PDB file of all heavy atoms in Angstrom:
ATOM      1  N   GLY A   1       0.220 -56.838 -28.088  1.00  0.00           N
ATOM      2  CA  GLY A   1       0.988 -56.491 -29.273  1.00  0.00           C
ATOM      3  C   GLY A   1       0.130 -55.926 -30.384  1.00  0.00           C
ATOM      4  O   GLY A   1       0.326 -54.791 -30.822  1.00  0.00           O
ATOM      5  N   VAL A   2      -0.858 -56.703 -30.805  1.00  0.00           N
ATOM      6  CA  VAL A   2      -1.673 -56.306 -31.955  1.00  0.00           C
ATOM      7  C   VAL A   2      -2.589 -55.131 -31.617  1.00  0.00           C
ATOM      8  O   VAL A   2      -2.649 -54.136 -32.347  1.00  0.00           O
ATOM      9  CB  VAL A   2      -2.498 -57.500 -32.462  1.00  0.00           C
ATOM     10  CG1 VAL A   2      -3.460 -57.062 -33.558  1.00  0.00           C
ATOM     11  CG2 VAL A   2      -1.573 -58.601 -32.975  1.00  0.00           C
ATOM     12  N   PHE A   3      -3.282 -55.225 -30.489  1.00  0.00           N
ATOM     13  CA  PHE A   3      -4.276 -54.198 -30.182  1.00  0.00           C
ATOM     14  C   PHE A   3      -3.664 -52.972 -29.509  1.00  0.00           C
ATOM     15  O   PHE A   3      -3.897 -51.842 -29.938  1.00  0.00           O
ATOM     16  CB  PHE A   3      -5.397 -54.789 -29.321  1.00  0.00           C
ATOM     17  CG  PHE A   3      -6.269 -55.753 -30.071  1.00  0.00           C
ATOM     18  CD1 PHE A   3      -6.037 -57.114 -30.016  1.00  0.00           C
ATOM     19  CD2 PHE A   3      -7.312 -55.289 -30.853  1.00  0.00           C
ATOM     20  CE1 PHE A   3      -6.825 -58.009 -30.720  1.00  0.00           C
ATOM     21  CE2 PHE A   3      -8.112 -56.167 -31.568  1.00  0.00           C
ATOM     22  CZ  PHE A   3      -7.864 -57.527 -31.504  1.00  0.00           C
ATOM     23  N   SER A   4      -2.882 -53.178 -28.430  1.00  0.00           N
ATOM     24  CA  SER A   4      -2.410 -52.016 -27.677  1.00  0.00           C
ATOM     25  C   SER A   4      -1.311 -51.247 -28.398  1.00  0.00           C
ATOM     26  O   SER A   4      -1.043 -50.090 -28.064  1.00  0.00           O
ATOM     27  CB  SER A   4      -1.907 -52.443 -26.293  1.00  0.00           C
ATOM     28  OG  SER A   4      -0.668 -53.103 -26.382  1.00  0.00           O
ATOM     29  N   VAL A   5      -0.647 -51.863 -29.367  1.00  0.00           N
ATOM     30  CA  VAL A   5       0.389 -51.161 -30.127  1.00  0.00           C
ATOM     31  C   VAL A   5      -0.127 -50.838 -31.528  1.00  0.00           C
ATOM     32  O   VAL A   5      -0.339 -49.682 -31.887  1.00  0.00           O
ATOM     33  CB  VAL A   5       1.697 -51.978 -30.203  1.00  0.00           C
ATOM     34  CG1 VAL A   5       2.728 -51.257 -31.067  1.00  0.00           C
ATOM     35  CG2 VAL A   5       2.264 -52.208 -28.802  1.00  0.00           C
ATOM     36  N   ALA A   6      -0.351 -51.857 -32.355  1.00  0.00           N
ATOM     37  CA  ALA A   6      -0.652 -51.624 -33.772  1.00  0.00           C
ATOM     38  C   ALA A   6      -2.021 -50.979 -33.996  1.00  0.00           C
ATOM     39  O   ALA A   6      -2.134 -49.916 -34.607  1.00  0.00           O
ATOM     40  CB  ALA A   6      -0.551 -52.948 -34.535  1.00  0.00           C
ATOM     41  N   VAL A   7      -3.089 -51.607 -33.502  1.00  0.00           N
ATOM     42  CA  VAL A   7      -4.431 -51.070 -33.726  1.00  0.00           C
ATOM     43  C   VAL A   7      -4.600 -49.719 -33.036  1.00  0.00           C
ATOM     44  O   VAL A   7      -5.180 -48.780 -33.593  1.00  0.00           O
ATOM     45  CB  VAL A   7      -5.503 -52.064 -33.237  1.00  0.00           C
ATOM     46  CG1 VAL A   7      -6.890 -51.449 -33.313  1.00  0.00           C
ATOM     47  CG2 VAL A   7      -5.449 -53.352 -34.066  1.00  0.00           C
ATOM     48  N   ALA A   8      -4.074 -49.605 -31.825  1.00  0.00           N
ATOM     49  CA  ALA A   8      -4.199 -48.347 -31.088  1.00  0.00           C
ATOM     50  C   ALA A   8      -3.500 -47.211 -31.821  1.00  0.00           C
ATOM     51  O   ALA A   8      -4.017 -46.084 -31.869  1.00  0.00           O
ATOM     52  CB  ALA A   8      -3.621 -48.512 -29.681  1.00  0.00           C
ATOM     53  N   TYR A   9      -2.330 -47.467 -32.390  1.00  0.00           N
ATOM     54  CA  TYR A   9      -1.634 -46.425 -33.156  1.00  0.00           C
ATOM     55  C   TYR A   9      -2.478 -45.971 -34.344  1.00  0.00           C
ATOM     56  O   TYR A   9      -2.551 -44.777 -34.646  1.00  0.00           O
ATOM     57  CB  TYR A   9      -0.283 -46.934 -33.659  1.00  0.00           C
ATOM     58  CG  TYR A   9       0.798 -47.021 -32.610  1.00  0.00           C
ATOM     59  CD1 TYR A   9       1.984 -47.692 -32.864  1.00  0.00           C
ATOM     60  CD2 TYR A   9       0.634 -46.452 -31.357  1.00  0.00           C
ATOM     61  CE1 TYR A   9       2.988 -47.770 -31.913  1.00  0.00           C
ATOM     62  CE2 TYR A   9       1.616 -46.538 -30.396  1.00  0.00           C
ATOM     63  CZ  TYR A   9       2.798 -47.209 -30.677  1.00  0.00           C
ATOM     64  OH  TYR A   9       3.768 -47.283 -29.729  1.00  0.00           O
ATOM     65  N   LEU A  10      -3.109 -46.925 -35.027  1.00  0.00           N
ATOM     66  CA  LEU A  10      -3.925 -46.561 -36.182  1.00  0.00           C
ATOM     67  C   LEU A  10      -5.092 -45.661 -35.764  1.00  0.00           C
ATOM     68  O   LEU A  10      -5.378 -44.649 -36.406  1.00  0.00           O
ATOM     69  CB  LEU A  10      -4.455 -47.823 -36.864  1.00  0.00           C
ATOM     70  CG  LEU A  10      -5.361 -47.596 -38.076  1.00  0.00           C
ATOM     71  CD1 LEU A  10      -4.614 -46.841 -39.172  1.00  0.00           C
ATOM     72  CD2 LEU A  10      -5.878 -48.933 -38.604  1.00  0.00           C
ATOM     73  N   LEU A  11      -5.774 -46.012 -34.657  1.00  0.00           N
ATOM     74  CA  LEU A  11      -6.879 -45.189 -34.166  1.00  0.00           C
ATOM     75  C   LEU A  11      -6.387 -43.806 -33.737  1.00  0.00           C
ATOM     76  O   LEU A  11      -7.048 -42.792 -33.996  1.00  0.00           O
ATOM     77  CB  LEU A  11      -7.561 -45.887 -32.987  1.00  0.00           C
ATOM     78  CG  LEU A  11      -8.306 -47.192 -33.308  1.00  0.00           C
ATOM     79  CD1 LEU A  11      -8.767 -47.865 -32.018  1.00  0.00           C
ATOM     80  CD2 LEU A  11      -9.485 -46.923 -34.222  1.00  0.00           C
ATOM     81  N   TRP A  12      -5.230 -43.756 -33.100  1.00  0.00           N
ATOM     82  CA  TRP A  12      -4.671 -42.484 -32.645  1.00  0.00           C
ATOM     83  C   TRP A  12      -4.350 -41.565 -33.822  1.00  0.00           C
ATOM     84  O   TRP A  12      -4.707 -40.393 -33.829  1.00  0.00           O
ATOM     85  CB  TRP A  12      -3.423 -42.745 -31.818  1.00  0.00           C
ATOM     86  CG  TRP A  12      -2.764 -41.497 -31.298  1.00  0.00           C
ATOM     87  CD1 TRP A  12      -1.737 -40.808 -31.871  1.00  0.00           C
ATOM     88  CD2 TRP A  12      -3.105 -40.781 -30.114  1.00  0.00           C
ATOM     89  NE1 TRP A  12      -1.400 -39.712 -31.117  1.00  0.00           N
ATOM     90  CE2 TRP A  12      -2.228 -39.678 -30.024  1.00  0.00           C
ATOM     91  CE3 TRP A  12      -4.064 -40.969 -29.114  1.00  0.00           C
ATOM     92  CZ2 TRP A  12      -2.291 -38.766 -28.971  1.00  0.00           C
ATOM     93  CZ3 TRP A  12      -4.116 -40.070 -28.066  1.00  0.00           C
ATOM     94  CH2 TRP A  12      -3.235 -38.984 -28.012  1.00  0.00           C
ATOM     95  N   TYR A  13      -3.688 -42.110 -34.830  1.00  0.00           N
ATOM     96  CA  TYR A  13      -3.276 -41.280 -35.959  1.00  0.00           C
ATOM     97  C   TYR A  13      -4.449 -40.841 -36.816  1.00  0.00           C
ATOM     98  O   TYR A  13      -4.423 -39.776 -37.421  1.00  0.00           O
ATOM     99  CB  TYR A  13      -2.233 -42.020 -36.801  1.00  0.00           C
ATOM    100  CG  TYR A  13      -0.951 -42.232 -36.054  1.00  0.00           C
ATOM    101  CD1 TYR A  13      -0.264 -43.441 -36.128  1.00  0.00           C
ATOM    102  CD2 TYR A  13      -0.424 -41.224 -35.262  1.00  0.00           C
ATOM    103  CE1 TYR A  13       0.910 -43.633 -35.436  1.00  0.00           C
ATOM    104  CE2 TYR A  13       0.738 -41.416 -34.558  1.00  0.00           C
ATOM    105  CZ  TYR A  13       1.407 -42.618 -34.640  1.00  0.00           C
ATOM    106  OH  TYR A  13       2.561 -42.804 -33.949  1.00  0.00           O
ATOM    107  N   ARG A  14      -5.499 -41.672 -36.863  1.00  0.00           N
ATOM    108  CA  ARG A  14      -6.699 -41.240 -37.566  1.00  0.00           C
ATOM    109  C   ARG A  14      -7.335 -40.060 -36.833  1.00  0.00           C
ATOM    110  O   ARG A  14      -7.843 -39.125 -37.452  1.00  0.00           O
ATOM    111  CB  ARG A  14      -7.707 -42.382 -37.682  1.00  0.00           C
ATOM    112  CG  ARG A  14      -8.912 -42.011 -38.556  1.00  0.00           C
ATOM    113  CD  ARG A  14      -9.829 -43.180 -38.801  1.00  0.00           C
ATOM    114  NE  ARG A  14     -10.488 -43.617 -37.585  1.00  0.00           N
ATOM    115  CZ  ARG A  14     -11.403 -44.590 -37.531  1.00  0.00           C
ATOM    116  NH1 ARG A  14     -11.710 -45.258 -38.636  1.00  0.00           N
ATOM    117  NH2 ARG A  14     -11.969 -44.927 -36.391  1.00  0.00           N
ATOM    118  N   GLY A  15      -7.285 -40.099 -35.491  1.00  0.00           N
ATOM    119  CA  GLY A  15      -7.787 -38.977 -34.717  1.00  0.00           C
ATOM    120  C   GLY A  15      -6.987 -37.714 -34.961  1.00  0.00           C
ATOM    121  O   GLY A  15      -7.549 -36.624 -35.145  1.00  0.00           O
ATOM    122  N   VAL A  16      -5.655 -37.837 -34.977  1.00  0.00           N
ATOM    123  CA  VAL A  16      -4.798 -36.678 -35.238  1.00  0.00           C
ATOM    124  C   VAL A  16      -5.078 -36.104 -36.614  1.00  0.00           C
ATOM    125  O   VAL A  16      -5.142 -34.880 -36.807  1.00  0.00           O
ATOM    126  CB  VAL A  16      -3.314 -37.077 -35.103  1.00  0.00           C
ATOM    127  CG1 VAL A  16      -2.403 -35.963 -35.607  1.00  0.00           C
ATOM    128  CG2 VAL A  16      -2.988 -37.411 -33.654  1.00  0.00           C
ATOM    129  N   GLN A  17      -5.265 -36.986 -37.594  1.00  0.00           N
ATOM    130  CA  GLN A  17      -5.501 -36.541 -38.967  1.00  0.00           C
ATOM    131  C   GLN A  17      -6.827 -35.799 -39.104  1.00  0.00           C
ATOM    132  O   GLN A  17      -6.909 -34.777 -39.787  1.00  0.00           O
ATOM    133  CB  GLN A  17      -5.471 -37.749 -39.905  1.00  0.00           C
ATOM    134  CG  GLN A  17      -5.707 -37.401 -41.370  1.00  0.00           C
ATOM    135  CD  GLN A  17      -5.785 -38.648 -42.240  1.00  0.00           C
ATOM    136  OE1 GLN A  17      -6.234 -39.703 -41.793  1.00  0.00           O
ATOM    137  NE2 GLN A  17      -5.333 -38.531 -43.464  1.00  0.00           N
ATOM    138  N   ARG A  18      -7.877 -36.279 -38.443  1.00  0.00           N
ATOM    139  CA  ARG A  18      -9.214 -35.734 -38.659  1.00  0.00           C
ATOM    140  C   ARG A  18      -9.642 -34.699 -37.618  1.00  0.00           C
ATOM    141  O   ARG A  18     -10.456 -33.832 -37.916  1.00  0.00           O
ATOM    142  CB  ARG A  18     -10.231 -36.879 -38.687  1.00  0.00           C
ATOM    143  CG  ARG A  18     -10.010 -37.816 -39.867  1.00  0.00           C
ATOM    144  CD  ARG A  18     -11.045 -38.910 -39.920  1.00  0.00           C
ATOM    145  NE  ARG A  18     -10.836 -39.769 -41.077  1.00  0.00           N
ATOM    146  CZ  ARG A  18     -11.538 -40.869 -41.337  1.00  0.00           C
ATOM    147  NH1 ARG A  18     -12.499 -41.242 -40.511  1.00  0.00           N
ATOM    148  NH2 ARG A  18     -11.276 -41.596 -42.408  1.00  0.00           N
ATOM    149  N   LEU A  19      -9.119 -34.815 -36.392  1.00  0.00           N
ATOM    150  CA  LEU A  19      -9.529 -33.891 -35.339  1.00  0.00           C
ATOM    151  C   LEU A  19      -8.436 -32.925 -34.923  1.00  0.00           C
ATOM    152  O   LEU A  19      -8.720 -31.913 -34.289  1.00  0.00           O
ATOM    153  CB  LEU A  19      -9.990 -34.680 -34.103  1.00  0.00           C
ATOM    154  CG  LEU A  19     -11.143 -35.663 -34.284  1.00  0.00           C
ATOM    155  CD1 LEU A  19     -11.479 -36.321 -32.953  1.00  0.00           C
ATOM    156  CD2 LEU A  19     -12.365 -34.978 -34.862  1.00  0.00           C
ATOM    157  N   GLY A  20      -7.180 -33.256 -35.242  1.00  0.00           N
ATOM    158  CA  GLY A  20      -6.069 -32.431 -34.807  1.00  0.00           C
ATOM    159  C   GLY A  20      -5.474 -32.943 -33.509  1.00  0.00           C
ATOM    160  O   GLY A  20      -6.072 -33.763 -32.791  1.00  0.00           O
ATOM    161  N   ASN A  21      -4.275 -32.460 -33.194  1.00  0.00           N
ATOM    162  CA  ASN A  21      -3.548 -32.944 -32.018  1.00  0.00           C
ATOM    163  C   ASN A  21      -4.277 -32.654 -30.709  1.00  0.00           C
ATOM    164  O   ASN A  21      -4.391 -33.524 -29.845  1.00  0.00           O
ATOM    165  CB  ASN A  21      -2.157 -32.307 -31.968  1.00  0.00           C
ATOM    166  CG  ASN A  21      -1.265 -32.819 -33.079  1.00  0.00           C
ATOM    167  OD1 ASN A  21      -1.322 -33.983 -33.451  1.00  0.00           O
ATOM    168  ND2 ASN A  21      -0.444 -31.953 -33.629  1.00  0.00           N
ATOM    169  N   SER A  22      -4.753 -31.410 -30.541  1.00  0.00           N
ATOM    170  CA  SER A  22      -5.319 -31.012 -29.256  1.00  0.00           C
ATOM    171  C   SER A  22      -6.576 -31.803 -28.912  1.00  0.00           C
ATOM    172  O   SER A  22      -6.720 -32.325 -27.805  1.00  0.00           O
ATOM    173  CB  SER A  22      -5.635 -29.513 -29.255  1.00  0.00           C
ATOM    174  OG  SER A  22      -4.461 -28.752 -29.438  1.00  0.00           O
ATOM    175  N   ARG A  23      -7.497 -31.900 -29.864  1.00  0.00           N
ATOM    176  CA  ARG A  23      -8.744 -32.613 -29.589  1.00  0.00           C
ATOM    177  C   ARG A  23      -8.498 -34.110 -29.401  1.00  0.00           C
ATOM    178  O   ARG A  23      -9.181 -34.763 -28.607  1.00  0.00           O
ATOM    179  CB  ARG A  23      -9.748 -32.386 -30.715  1.00  0.00           C
ATOM    180  CG  ARG A  23     -10.280 -30.962 -30.798  1.00  0.00           C
ATOM    181  CD  ARG A  23     -11.160 -30.767 -32.009  1.00  0.00           C
ATOM    182  NE  ARG A  23     -12.348 -31.613 -31.953  1.00  0.00           N
ATOM    183  CZ  ARG A  23     -13.162 -31.802 -32.982  1.00  0.00           C
ATOM    184  NH1 ARG A  23     -12.899 -31.225 -34.156  1.00  0.00           N
ATOM    185  NH2 ARG A  23     -14.214 -32.565 -32.866  1.00  0.00           N
ATOM    186  N   THR A  24      -7.541 -34.659 -30.124  1.00  0.00           N
ATOM    187  CA  THR A  24      -7.222 -36.074 -29.956  1.00  0.00           C
ATOM    188  C   THR A  24      -6.591 -36.338 -28.602  1.00  0.00           C
ATOM    189  O   THR A  24      -6.920 -37.320 -27.918  1.00  0.00           O
ATOM    190  CB  THR A  24      -6.270 -36.539 -31.077  1.00  0.00           C
ATOM    191  OG1 THR A  24      -6.890 -36.322 -32.337  1.00  0.00           O
ATOM    192  CG2 THR A  24      -5.941 -38.019 -30.927  1.00  0.00           C
ATOM    193  N   ALA A  25      -5.691 -35.435 -28.190  1.00  0.00           N
ATOM    194  CA  ALA A  25      -4.959 -35.635 -26.943  1.00  0.00           C
ATOM    195  C   ALA A  25      -5.875 -35.671 -25.731  1.00  0.00           C
ATOM    196  O   ALA A  25      -5.557 -36.320 -24.731  1.00  0.00           O
ATOM    197  CB  ALA A  25      -3.916 -34.528 -26.773  1.00  0.00           C
ATOM    198  N   VAL A  26      -7.009 -34.992 -25.795  1.00  0.00           N
ATOM    199  CA  VAL A  26      -7.934 -34.971 -24.664  1.00  0.00           C
ATOM    200  C   VAL A  26      -8.349 -36.382 -24.270  1.00  0.00           C
ATOM    201  O   VAL A  26      -8.523 -36.696 -23.087  1.00  0.00           O
ATOM    202  CB  VAL A  26      -9.167 -34.117 -25.005  1.00  0.00           C
ATOM    203  CG1 VAL A  26     -10.251 -34.277 -23.943  1.00  0.00           C
ATOM    204  CG2 VAL A  26      -8.782 -32.654 -25.150  1.00  0.00           C
ATOM    205  N   TYR A  27      -8.483 -37.260 -25.251  1.00  0.00           N
ATOM    206  CA  TYR A  27      -8.953 -38.613 -24.971  1.00  0.00           C
ATOM    207  C   TYR A  27      -7.977 -39.412 -24.114  1.00  0.00           C
ATOM    208  O   TYR A  27      -8.393 -40.279 -23.339  1.00  0.00           O
ATOM    209  CB  TYR A  27      -9.216 -39.366 -26.279  1.00  0.00           C
ATOM    210  CG  TYR A  27     -10.489 -38.954 -26.962  1.00  0.00           C
ATOM    211  CD1 TYR A  27     -10.508 -37.893 -27.865  1.00  0.00           C
ATOM    212  CD2 TYR A  27     -11.683 -39.605 -26.693  1.00  0.00           C
ATOM    213  CE1 TYR A  27     -11.682 -37.501 -28.486  1.00  0.00           C
ATOM    214  CE2 TYR A  27     -12.860 -39.232 -27.313  1.00  0.00           C
ATOM    215  CZ  TYR A  27     -12.856 -38.171 -28.207  1.00  0.00           C
ATOM    216  OH  TYR A  27     -14.024 -37.780 -28.813  1.00  0.00           O
ATOM    217  N   SER A  28      -6.684 -39.131 -24.227  1.00  0.00           N
ATOM    218  CA  SER A  28      -5.706 -39.905 -23.462  1.00  0.00           C
ATOM    219  C   SER A  28      -5.856 -39.696 -21.963  1.00  0.00           C
ATOM    220  O   SER A  28      -5.392 -40.510 -21.168  1.00  0.00           O
ATOM    221  CB  SER A  28      -4.276 -39.545 -23.904  1.00  0.00           C
ATOM    222  OG  SER A  28      -3.961 -38.223 -23.549  1.00  0.00           O
ATOM    223  N   ASN A  29      -6.527 -38.606 -21.551  1.00  0.00           N
ATOM    224  CA  ASN A  29      -6.758 -38.381 -20.129  1.00  0.00           C
ATOM    225  C   ASN A  29      -7.679 -39.437 -19.523  1.00  0.00           C
ATOM    226  O   ASN A  29      -7.699 -39.624 -18.305  1.00  0.00           O
ATOM    227  CB  ASN A  29      -7.378 -36.999 -19.900  1.00  0.00           C
ATOM    228  CG  ASN A  29      -6.410 -35.870 -20.202  1.00  0.00           C
ATOM    229  OD1 ASN A  29      -5.216 -36.079 -20.316  1.00  0.00           O
ATOM    230  ND2 ASN A  29      -6.948 -34.679 -20.354  1.00  0.00           N
ATOM    231  N   LEU A  30      -8.448 -40.133 -20.364  1.00  0.00           N
ATOM    232  CA  LEU A  30      -9.343 -41.174 -19.864  1.00  0.00           C
ATOM    233  C   LEU A  30      -8.611 -42.483 -19.597  1.00  0.00           C
ATOM    234  O   LEU A  30      -9.127 -43.342 -18.876  1.00  0.00           O
ATOM    235  CB  LEU A  30     -10.464 -41.430 -20.876  1.00  0.00           C
ATOM    236  CG  LEU A  30     -11.447 -40.296 -21.133  1.00  0.00           C
ATOM    237  CD1 LEU A  30     -12.393 -40.667 -22.272  1.00  0.00           C
ATOM    238  CD2 LEU A  30     -12.241 -39.971 -19.878  1.00  0.00           C
ATOM    239  N   VAL A  31      -7.413 -42.658 -20.161  1.00  0.00           N
ATOM    240  CA  VAL A  31      -6.714 -43.944 -20.054  1.00  0.00           C
ATOM    241  C   VAL A  31      -6.428 -44.334 -18.609  1.00  0.00           C
ATOM    242  O   VAL A  31      -6.746 -45.463 -18.193  1.00  0.00           O
ATOM    243  CB  VAL A  31      -5.418 -43.931 -20.894  1.00  0.00           C
ATOM    244  CG1 VAL A  31      -4.602 -45.190 -20.647  1.00  0.00           C
ATOM    245  CG2 VAL A  31      -5.752 -43.803 -22.379  1.00  0.00           C
ATOM    246  N   PRO A  32      -5.824 -43.462 -17.775  1.00  0.00           N
ATOM    247  CA  PRO A  32      -5.539 -43.895 -16.402  1.00  0.00           C
ATOM    248  C   PRO A  32      -6.797 -44.172 -15.588  1.00  0.00           C
ATOM    249  O   PRO A  32      -6.777 -45.022 -14.687  1.00  0.00           O
ATOM    250  CB  PRO A  32      -4.744 -42.721 -15.816  1.00  0.00           C
ATOM    251  CG  PRO A  32      -5.051 -41.556 -16.676  1.00  0.00           C
ATOM    252  CD  PRO A  32      -5.272 -42.121 -18.043  1.00  0.00           C
ATOM    253  N   VAL A  33      -7.888 -43.481 -15.877  1.00  0.00           N
ATOM    254  CA  VAL A  33      -9.136 -43.741 -15.162  1.00  0.00           C
ATOM    255  C   VAL A  33      -9.621 -45.152 -15.474  1.00  0.00           C
ATOM    256  O   VAL A  33      -9.990 -45.928 -14.572  1.00  0.00           O
ATOM    257  CB  VAL A  33     -10.195 -42.694 -15.539  1.00  0.00           C
ATOM    258  CG1 VAL A  33     -11.518 -43.023 -14.856  1.00  0.00           C
ATOM    259  CG2 VAL A  33      -9.732 -41.293 -15.177  1.00  0.00           C
ATOM    260  N   ILE A  34      -9.615 -45.508 -16.750  1.00  0.00           N
ATOM    261  CA  ILE A  34     -10.033 -46.849 -17.152  1.00  0.00           C
ATOM    262  C   ILE A  34      -9.071 -47.896 -16.594  1.00  0.00           C
ATOM    263  O   ILE A  34      -9.489 -48.977 -16.143  1.00  0.00           O
ATOM    264  CB  ILE A  34     -10.114 -46.942 -18.687  1.00  0.00           C
ATOM    265  CG1 ILE A  34     -11.250 -46.038 -19.195  1.00  0.00           C
ATOM    266  CG2 ILE A  34     -10.338 -48.381 -19.147  1.00  0.00           C
ATOM    267  CD1 ILE A  34     -11.299 -45.889 -20.689  1.00  0.00           C
ATOM    268  N   ALA A  35      -7.780 -47.570 -16.585  1.00  0.00           N
ATOM    269  CA  ALA A  35      -6.790 -48.513 -16.056  1.00  0.00           C
ATOM    270  C   ALA A  35      -6.988 -48.763 -14.566  1.00  0.00           C
ATOM    271  O   ALA A  35      -6.889 -49.904 -14.087  1.00  0.00           O
ATOM    272  CB  ALA A  35      -5.382 -47.977 -16.317  1.00  0.00           C
ATOM    273  N   LEU A  36      -7.262 -47.716 -13.805  1.00  0.00           N
ATOM    274  CA  LEU A  36      -7.507 -47.887 -12.372  1.00  0.00           C
ATOM    275  C   LEU A  36      -8.749 -48.735 -12.119  1.00  0.00           C
ATOM    276  O   LEU A  36      -8.747 -49.624 -11.265  1.00  0.00           O
ATOM    277  CB  LEU A  36      -7.665 -46.518 -11.710  1.00  0.00           C
ATOM    278  CG  LEU A  36      -6.382 -45.785 -11.289  1.00  0.00           C
ATOM    279  CD1 LEU A  36      -6.740 -44.423 -10.708  1.00  0.00           C
ATOM    280  CD2 LEU A  36      -5.595 -46.600 -10.279  1.00  0.00           C
ATOM    281  N   LEU A  37      -9.816 -48.458 -12.868  1.00  0.00           N
ATOM    282  CA  LEU A  37     -11.048 -49.232 -12.703  1.00  0.00           C
ATOM    283  C   LEU A  37     -10.834 -50.696 -13.070  1.00  0.00           C
ATOM    284  O   LEU A  37     -11.311 -51.606 -12.380  1.00  0.00           O
ATOM    285  CB  LEU A  37     -12.158 -48.627 -13.560  1.00  0.00           C
ATOM    286  CG  LEU A  37     -12.684 -47.258 -13.111  1.00  0.00           C
ATOM    287  CD1 LEU A  37     -13.675 -46.715 -14.138  1.00  0.00           C
ATOM    288  CD2 LEU A  37     -13.336 -47.351 -11.739  1.00  0.00           C
ATOM    289  N   THR A  38     -10.101 -50.932 -14.178  1.00  0.00           N
ATOM    290  CA  THR A  38      -9.836 -52.306 -14.604  1.00  0.00           C
ATOM    291  C   THR A  38      -9.000 -53.051 -13.576  1.00  0.00           C
ATOM    292  O   THR A  38      -9.272 -54.220 -13.241  1.00  0.00           O
ATOM    293  CB  THR A  38      -9.121 -52.315 -15.963  1.00  0.00           C
ATOM    294  OG1 THR A  38      -9.878 -51.571 -16.916  1.00  0.00           O
ATOM    295  CG2 THR A  38      -8.937 -53.740 -16.467  1.00  0.00           C
TER     296      THR A  38
END
């Protein structure tokens, strides 16, 4: 609840604000890789 929703949203929106949508979106491609490894 706290980390995967609230904290994660804050980190995501800070990325959108400072790097823009395209550069921020690239990072989400790493999520399934980390999920598979975990």
